[in-house]
Amino acid sequence: MPKSSKVYVHGLPPTTTDEELDGLCGPHGRVKSARVVLLFDNITRQRQGFGIIEMASAGDNQKVVGALHGSKLDESILRCFVLPVQLHEIAQE
């Protein structure tokens, strides 16, 4: 059975939680998992966030991307796209 692809969300404010990301995606389909990752940028000296979301179906992935891409969250503009399956499969190995 093929694995589902995941959605990448760039530009999350550093205060974003997994639960908040799940809540942003929930109205657009069934969320299987939502994880926020925070990184520290040594050049700007600021924290930056991104998220990885797994939805129940490819159709739900497209709905989330369509709804969130270009939207604002706490003055941050979100950029979203569906990750190719092989990228996140490699990351899990």
Protein backbone atom coordinates (compact mmCIF):
# COMPACT_ATOMS: atom_id res chain seq x y z
CA MET A 1 0.00 0.00 0.00
CA PRO A 2 1.55 3.37 -0.99
CA LYS A 3 2.27 5.84 1.76
CA SER A 4 0.45 9.15 1.69
CA SER A 5 2.37 12.30 0.99
CA LYS A 6 2.73 15.05 3.55
CA VAL A 7 2.29 18.81 3.48
CA TYR A 8 5.13 21.19 4.34
CA VAL A 9 4.20 24.57 5.88
CA HIS A 10 6.93 27.22 5.88
CA GLY A 11 6.83 30.47 7.83
CA LEU A 12 5.15 29.43 11.07
CA PRO A 13 5.61 31.93 13.90
CA PRO A 14 7.92 30.58 16.63
CA THR A 15 5.02 30.45 19.10
CA THR A 16 3.02 27.97 16.99
CA THR A 17 2.20 24.65 18.67
CA ASP A 18 1.41 21.22 17.21
CA GLU A 19 -2.18 21.66 18.43
CA GLU A 20 -2.53 25.05 16.72
CA LEU A 21 -1.20 23.62 13.44
CA ASP A 22 -3.66 20.72 13.74
CA GLY A 23 -6.46 23.25 14.31
CA LEU A 24 -5.47 25.22 11.20
CA CYS A 25 -5.66 22.09 9.06
CA GLY A 26 -8.68 20.38 10.64
CA PRO A 27 -11.36 22.37 8.78
CA HIS A 28 -9.89 21.17 5.47
CA GLY A 29 -9.93 17.41 6.10
CA ARG A 30 -8.90 14.71 8.55
CA VAL A 31 -5.49 15.36 10.11
CA LYS A 32 -3.45 12.23 10.87
CA SER A 33 -0.53 14.15 12.38
CA ALA A 34 0.75 17.71 12.68
CA ARG A 35 4.22 18.55 13.93
CA VAL A 36 5.87 21.96 14.35
CA VAL A 37 9.67 22.18 14.11
CA LEU A 38 11.50 25.25 15.40
CA LEU A 39 15.01 26.14 14.25
CA PHE A 40 17.35 28.88 15.45
CA ASP A 41 18.85 31.02 12.69
CA ASN A 42 22.40 31.97 13.72
CA ILE A 43 22.51 34.83 11.22
CA THR A 44 19.26 36.59 12.14
CA ARG A 45 19.38 35.34 15.77
CA GLN A 46 15.69 34.46 15.52
CA ARG A 47 13.67 31.27 15.81
CA GLN A 48 11.91 30.11 12.67
CA GLY A 49 9.20 27.50 12.41
CA PHE A 50 7.89 25.06 9.85
CA GLY A 51 5.37 22.26 10.02
CA ILE A 52 4.85 18.81 8.58
CA ILE A 53 1.26 17.66 8.28
CA GLU A 54 -0.07 14.27 7.28
CA MET A 55 -3.65 14.30 6.11
CA ALA A 56 -5.90 11.29 5.57
CA SER A 57 -5.98 11.62 1.78
CA ALA A 58 -4.28 13.28 -1.16
CA GLY A 59 -7.44 15.33 -1.69
CA ASP A 60 -7.19 16.64 1.88
CA ASN A 61 -3.54 17.54 1.22
CA GLN A 62 -4.59 19.69 -1.73
CA LYS A 63 -7.37 21.34 0.29
CA VAL A 64 -4.92 22.30 3.06
CA VAL A 65 -2.38 23.68 0.59
CA GLY A 66 -5.09 25.66 -1.19
CA ALA A 67 -6.42 27.09 2.06
CA LEU A 68 -3.15 27.88 3.86
CA HIS A 69 -0.72 28.87 1.08
CA GLY A 70 -0.36 32.65 1.15
CA SER A 71 -2.48 33.06 4.28
CA LYS A 72 -1.27 34.94 7.36
CA LEU A 73 -0.71 33.60 10.85
CA ASP A 74 0.35 36.24 13.38
CA GLU A 75 1.70 38.47 10.58
CA SER A 76 3.71 35.61 9.04
CA ILE A 77 2.82 34.60 5.49
CA LEU A 78 2.59 30.82 5.17
CA ARG A 79 3.92 28.90 2.17
CA CYS A 80 2.67 25.35 1.73
CA PHE A 81 3.26 22.51 -0.67
CA VAL A 82 2.89 18.76 -0.84
CA LEU A 83 6.16 16.95 -0.24
CA PRO A 84 7.07 14.25 -2.73
CA VAL A 85 6.53 10.88 -1.07
CA GLN A 86 10.15 9.81 -1.38
CA LEU A 87 11.45 12.83 0.58
CA HIS A 88 9.59 12.06 3.79
CA GLU A 89 10.07 8.30 3.40
CA ILE A 90 13.84 8.83 3.31
CA ALA A 91 13.65 11.09 6.37
CA GLN A 92 11.84 8.36 8.33
CA GLU A 93 14.43 5.66 7.62
